[in-house]
Protein backbone atom coordinates (compact mmCIF):
# COMPACT_ATOMS: atom_id res chain seq x y z
CA UNK A 1 0.00 0.00 0.00
CA UNK A 2 1.48 3.31 -1.01
CA UNK A 3 1.61 6.40 1.20
CA UNK A 4 -1.49 8.04 -0.24
CA UNK A 5 -3.56 4.91 0.27
CA UNK A 6 -2.33 4.55 3.85
CA UNK A 7 -3.11 8.20 4.49
CA UNK A 8 -6.62 7.80 3.09
CA UNK A 9 -7.24 4.65 5.13
CA UNK A 10 -5.97 6.20 8.38
CA UNK A 11 -8.05 9.31 7.75
CA UNK A 12 -11.15 7.20 7.07
CA UNK A 13 -10.68 5.17 10.27
CA UNK A 14 -10.19 8.33 12.33
CA UNK A 15 -13.25 10.01 10.82
CA UNK A 16 -15.30 6.90 11.57
CA UNK A 17 -14.22 7.06 15.22
CA UNK A 18 -14.98 10.77 15.37
CA UNK A 19 -18.57 10.11 14.31
CA UNK A 20 -18.87 7.10 16.62
CA UNK A 21 -17.58 9.01 19.64
CA UNK A 22 -19.86 11.97 18.98
CA UNK A 23 -22.84 9.59 19.02
CA UNK A 24 -21.58 7.92 22.21
CA UNK A 25 -21.26 11.31 23.91
CA UNK A 26 -24.85 12.00 22.87
CA UNK A 27 -25.92 8.69 24.42
CA UNK A 28 -24.11 9.64 27.62
CA UNK A 29 -26.00 12.95 27.68
CA UNK A 30 -29.27 11.10 27.12
CA UNK A 31 -28.61 8.74 30.05
CA UNK A 32 -27.68 11.60 32.38
CA UNK A 33 -30.91 13.37 31.42
CA UNK A 34 -32.81 10.25 32.49
CA UNK A 35 -30.97 9.99 35.80
CA UNK A 36 -30.79 13.58 37.04
CA UNK A 37 -34.55 14.29 37.31
CA UNK A 38 -34.71 11.43 39.83
CA UNK A 39 -31.31 11.82 41.50
CA UNK A 40 -32.38 13.88 44.52
CA UNK A 41 -36.07 14.38 45.15
CA UNK A 42 -38.28 15.08 48.16
CA UNK A 43 -41.67 13.37 48.12
CA UNK A 44 -44.47 14.25 50.54
CA UNK A 45 -47.88 12.72 50.98
CA UNK A 46 -49.47 15.25 48.61
CA UNK A 47 -46.70 15.39 46.00
CA UNK A 48 -47.79 15.43 42.36
CA UNK A 49 -45.03 13.03 41.33
CA UNK A 50 -45.66 13.30 37.58
CA UNK A 51 -45.60 17.11 37.62
CA UNK A 52 -42.44 17.12 39.73
CA UNK A 53 -40.61 14.75 37.36
CA UNK A 54 -41.80 16.71 34.30
CA UNK A 55 -40.46 19.95 35.79
CA UNK A 56 -37.10 18.34 36.54
CA UNK A 57 -36.93 16.80 33.06
CA UNK A 58 -37.52 20.19 31.48
CA UNK A 59 -34.72 21.66 33.61
CA UNK A 60 -32.13 19.36 32.00
CA UNK A 61 -33.63 19.02 28.53
CA UNK A 62 -31.35 21.56 26.85
CA UNK A 63 -28.26 21.02 29.01
CA UNK A 64 -25.03 19.90 27.37
CA UNK A 65 -22.65 17.28 28.72
CA UNK A 66 -20.58 19.69 30.82
CA UNK A 67 -23.58 20.98 32.76
CA UNK A 68 -25.04 17.49 33.14
CA UNK A 69 -21.78 16.09 34.51
CA UNK A 70 -21.41 18.97 36.96
CA UNK A 71 -24.89 18.23 38.31
CA UNK A 72 -24.19 14.50 38.42
CA UNK A 73 -21.02 15.06 40.44
CA UNK A 74 -22.73 17.54 42.80
CA UNK A 75 -25.91 15.53 43.34
CA UNK A 76 -24.74 11.93 43.07
CA UNK A 77 -20.95 11.65 43.41
CA UNK A 78 -20.46 14.39 46.02
CA UNK A 79 -23.97 14.79 47.42
CA UNK A 80 -25.36 17.05 50.09
CA UNK A 81 -28.51 16.14 51.95
CA UNK A 82 -31.65 17.58 50.34
CA UNK A 83 -33.42 20.29 52.27
CA UNK A 84 -36.84 19.42 53.63
CA UNK A 85 -39.42 22.19 53.64
CA UNK A 86 -41.75 22.80 56.54
CA UNK A 87 -42.85 20.10 58.94
CA UNK A 88 -44.92 17.89 56.65
CA UNK A 89 -44.18 14.20 56.31
CA UNK A 90 -41.62 13.99 53.55
CA UNK A 91 -39.48 11.32 52.00
CA UNK A 92 -36.06 12.26 50.71
CA UNK A 93 -34.97 10.01 47.84
CA UNK A 94 -31.39 10.33 46.74
CA UNK A 95 -29.14 8.24 44.52
CA UNK A 96 -25.63 8.04 45.86
CA UNK A 97 -22.29 6.73 44.66
CA UNK A 98 -20.44 5.37 47.68
CA UNK A 99 -16.74 4.56 47.55
CA UNK A 100 -15.03 2.81 50.46
CA UNK A 101 -11.76 4.29 49.21
CA UNK A 102 -11.98 8.09 48.67
CA UNK A 103 -9.34 7.75 45.96
CA UNK A 104 -11.82 5.73 43.90
CA UNK A 105 -14.33 8.53 44.17
CA UNK A 106 -11.75 11.08 43.10
CA UNK A 107 -10.82 8.88 40.14
CA UNK A 108 -14.48 8.58 39.08
CA UNK A 109 -14.95 12.34 39.22
CA UNK A 110 -11.70 12.90 37.30
CA UNK A 111 -12.80 10.42 34.63
CA UNK A 112 -16.09 12.30 34.20
CA UNK A 113 -14.42 15.69 33.95
CA UNK A 114 -11.82 14.28 31.53
CA UNK A 115 -14.64 13.01 29.33
CA UNK A 116 -16.19 16.48 29.25
CA UNK A 117 -12.85 18.00 28.25
CA UNK A 118 -12.40 15.30 25.62
CA UNK A 119 -15.87 15.90 24.21
CA UNK A 120 -15.25 19.67 23.98
CA UNK A 121 -11.92 19.06 22.27
CA UNK A 122 -13.53 16.62 19.82
CA UNK A 123 -16.39 18.97 18.93
CA UNK A 124 -14.61 22.32 18.95
CA UNK A 125 -10.85 21.95 18.62
CA UNK A 126 -9.81 18.65 17.02
CA UNK A 127 -9.43 19.99 13.49
CA UNK A 128 -6.92 22.60 14.61
CA UNK A 129 -4.63 19.90 16.05
CA UNK A 130 -4.57 17.60 13.00
CA UNK A 131 -2.14 17.81 10.09
CA UNK A 132 -4.49 16.52 7.42
CA UNK A 133 -1.60 15.52 5.15
CA UNK A 134 0.29 13.60 7.83
CA UNK A 135 -0.14 9.84 8.20
CA UNK A 136 1.31 9.93 11.71
CA UNK A 137 -1.08 12.71 12.70
CA UNK A 138 -4.12 10.67 11.68
CA UNK A 139 -2.74 7.56 13.38
CA UNK A 140 -2.24 9.53 16.57
CA UNK A 141 -5.79 10.88 16.34
CA UNK A 142 -7.09 7.33 15.78
CA UNK A 143 -5.22 6.02 18.84
CA UNK A 144 -6.51 8.84 21.06
CA UNK A 145 -10.08 8.33 19.84
CA UNK A 146 -9.92 4.58 20.56
CA UNK A 147 -8.85 5.32 24.13
CA UNK A 148 -11.59 7.91 24.46
CA UNK A 149 -14.18 5.46 23.15
CA UNK A 150 -13.21 2.88 25.79
CA UNK A 151 -13.71 5.52 28.49
CA UNK A 152 -17.10 6.60 27.13
CA UNK A 153 -18.37 3.02 26.81
CA UNK A 154 -17.30 2.23 30.37
CA UNK A 155 -19.13 5.29 31.72
CA UNK A 156 -22.22 4.49 29.64
CA UNK A 157 -22.36 0.99 31.17
CA UNK A 158 -22.20 2.49 34.67
CA UNK A 159 -25.01 4.93 33.85
CA UNK A 160 -27.14 2.11 32.43
CA UNK A 161 -26.75 0.25 35.72
CA UNK A 162 -27.98 3.37 37.53
CA UNK A 163 -31.06 3.45 35.34
CA UNK A 164 -31.81 -0.23 36.03
CA UNK A 165 -31.72 0.45 39.78
CA UNK A 166 -33.92 3.51 39.32
CA UNK A 167 -36.49 1.50 37.39
CA UNK A 168 -36.66 -1.15 40.12
CA UNK A 169 -37.00 1.46 42.85
CA UNK A 170 -39.49 3.48 40.82
CA UNK A 171 -41.71 0.44 40.32
CA UNK A 172 -41.74 -0.17 44.07
CA UNK A 173 -42.44 3.47 44.87
CA UNK A 174 -45.32 3.56 42.40
CA UNK A 175 -47.21 1.03 44.49
CA UNK A 176 -49.46 2.98 46.93
CA UNK A 177 -48.72 0.81 49.97
CA UNK A 178 -44.99 0.82 49.32
CA UNK A 179 -44.95 4.59 48.84
CA UNK A 180 -46.92 5.03 52.05
CA UNK A 181 -44.39 2.89 53.92
CA UNK A 182 -41.47 4.83 52.47
CA UNK A 183 -43.01 8.11 53.61
CA UNK A 184 -44.44 7.15 56.99
CA UNK A 185 -42.24 4.22 58.03
CA UNK A 186 -39.44 6.54 59.23
CA UNK A 187 -41.94 8.58 61.27
CA UNK A 188 -43.25 5.41 62.91
CA UNK A 189 -39.71 4.37 63.77
CA UNK A 190 -38.81 7.81 65.10
CA UNK A 191 -41.99 7.97 67.16
CA UNK A 192 -41.33 4.60 68.80
CA UNK A 193 -37.69 5.41 69.45
CA UNK A 194 -38.53 8.74 71.08
CA UNK A 195 -41.17 7.15 73.29
CA UNK A 196 -38.65 4.56 74.43
CA UNK A 197 -35.91 7.16 74.97
CA UNK A 198 -38.23 9.37 77.04
CA UNK A 199 -39.30 6.35 79.09
CA UNK A 200 -35.69 5.53 79.87
CA UNK A 201 -35.37 8.93 81.57
CA UNK A 202 -38.83 9.43 83.04
CA UNK A 203 -40.50 6.09 83.73
CA UNK A 204 -41.57 5.11 87.27
CA UNK A 205 -40.17 1.94 88.92
CA UNK A 206 -42.77 -0.19 87.11
CA UNK A 207 -41.85 1.23 83.70
CA UNK A 208 -44.88 3.51 83.23
CA UNK A 209 -44.41 6.92 81.59
CA UNK A 210 -46.82 9.80 81.08
CA UNK A 211 -47.82 9.87 77.42
CA UNK A 212 -48.70 13.57 77.64
CA UNK A 213 -45.24 14.39 79.01
CA UNK A 214 -43.60 12.36 76.25
CA UNK A 215 -45.66 14.09 73.56
CA UNK A 216 -44.82 17.53 74.96
CA UNK A 217 -41.09 16.78 75.20
CA UNK A 218 -38.99 18.90 72.87
CA UNK A 219 -37.56 15.81 71.18
CA UNK A 220 -40.92 14.61 69.96
CA UNK A 221 -41.84 14.25 66.28
CA UNK A 222 -43.35 17.46 64.91
CA UNK A 223 -47.14 17.86 65.32
CA UNK A 224 -47.68 18.20 61.57
CA UNK A 225 -45.87 14.93 60.89
CA UNK A 226 -47.79 13.19 63.66
CA UNK A 227 -51.13 14.42 62.28
CA UNK A 228 -50.34 13.09 58.81
CA UNK A 229 -48.99 9.85 60.25
CA UNK A 230 -52.12 9.22 62.34
CA UNK A 231 -54.29 9.90 59.28
CA UNK A 232 -52.27 7.35 57.33
CA UNK A 233 -52.77 4.82 60.13
CA UNK A 234 -56.47 5.72 60.29
CA UNK A 235 -56.40 6.26 64.05
CA UNK A 236 -57.48 9.45 65.87
CA UNK A 237 -54.81 9.72 68.57
CA UNK A 238 -51.34 8.53 69.52
CA UNK A 239 -52.81 6.45 72.34
CA UNK A 240 -55.06 4.69 69.81
CA UNK A 241 -52.04 4.04 67.60
CA UNK A 242 -50.05 2.63 70.52
CA UNK A 243 -52.96 0.45 71.60
CA UNK A 244 -53.34 -0.99 68.11
CA UNK A 245 -49.63 -1.34 67.41
CA UNK A 246 -48.77 -4.06 69.91
CA UNK A 247 -45.41 -2.59 70.95
CA UNK A 248 -46.71 -0.70 73.98
CA UNK A 249 -49.32 -1.26 76.66
CA UNK A 250 -51.43 1.58 78.05
CA UNK A 251 -52.94 2.40 81.42
CA UNK A 252 -55.36 5.20 82.18
CA UNK A 253 -55.72 6.76 85.63
CA UNK A 254 -58.27 9.23 86.93
CA UNK A 255 -56.95 12.35 88.60
CA UNK A 256 -58.65 14.04 91.58
CA UNK A 257 -60.14 16.53 89.13
CA UNK A 258 -61.75 13.71 87.20
CA UNK A 259 -59.45 13.95 84.20
CA UNK A 260 -57.92 10.92 82.54
CA UNK A 261 -54.17 10.58 82.38
CA UNK A 262 -52.63 8.01 80.03
CA UNK A 263 -49.42 6.12 80.81
CA UNK A 264 -47.51 3.80 78.50
CA UNK A 265 -44.73 1.27 78.72
CA UNK A 266 -43.10 -1.05 76.22
CA UNK A 267 -44.37 -4.61 76.12
CA UNK A 268 -42.12 -6.79 78.27
CA UNK A 269 -40.71 -3.87 80.27
CA UNK A 270 -39.28 -4.93 83.62
CA UNK A 271 -39.69 -2.82 86.73
CA UNK A 272 -37.23 -0.13 87.74
CA UNK A 273 -36.13 0.88 84.22
CA UNK A 274 -36.14 4.58 85.06
CA UNK A 275 -33.46 6.37 87.08
CA UNK A 276 -35.96 8.14 89.33
CA UNK A 277 -39.62 7.46 90.07
CA UNK A 278 -41.87 10.10 88.54
CA UNK A 279 -44.69 11.70 90.48
CA UNK A 280 -48.09 10.94 88.99
CA UNK A 281 -50.84 13.44 89.27
CA UNK A 282 -53.00 12.68 92.27
């Protein structure tokens, strides 16, 4: 093969890789646009999920790879906890990349930023670096593009795995009972833990604690969250929830004024769990 034929062949191979890599970068953008609208979201009991996703999809629709990667790094690779608004029952859903070795995380971020730089060079600057009449120049371009393609394909496979996980999680969250558990399960857990913690400090020698005092403690779950939680459990009061739940037993005493005071203790509680006996209302 003479020099001109070799030059033409090398140029053709390089141009083929240029087109292939441009399409792969577009696929990478497409995958990021599927991931980012779901990467960090806050869902409450009255969230219009479809409207929320549509709004987030529109926010990334016209973004290019550089902007998409910056968001991916900020929201997924180096995330901050989403801010919850108000005191309503909310579920924070966030995709996270966790690396046991911080160096692996740094390498992933560097690979992403290198891909952005490589894409910008390919689209905007490659022609200025090529000697179109040089066989070695085209061979060098071909070698660089092959390496770049391996990097893009590897990142695309990782992003596809993200989407598979999102689809599984999304299918679970779409089920009404599962969504309800995701939203209110943490409140139930927090409520039980706070009742137990308050009892550890305030219970009498037999393990009984004033429910009113526990509810009014400054560590208690917010009233708005409790209201929504009780509605989800279809019970009118916390005492009704505790009675139906099976984790606590209740006792009601009459005060001298004729009022009813409710006490609770965990099922199976032994006597003398509290540091000091509390004084019940006479």
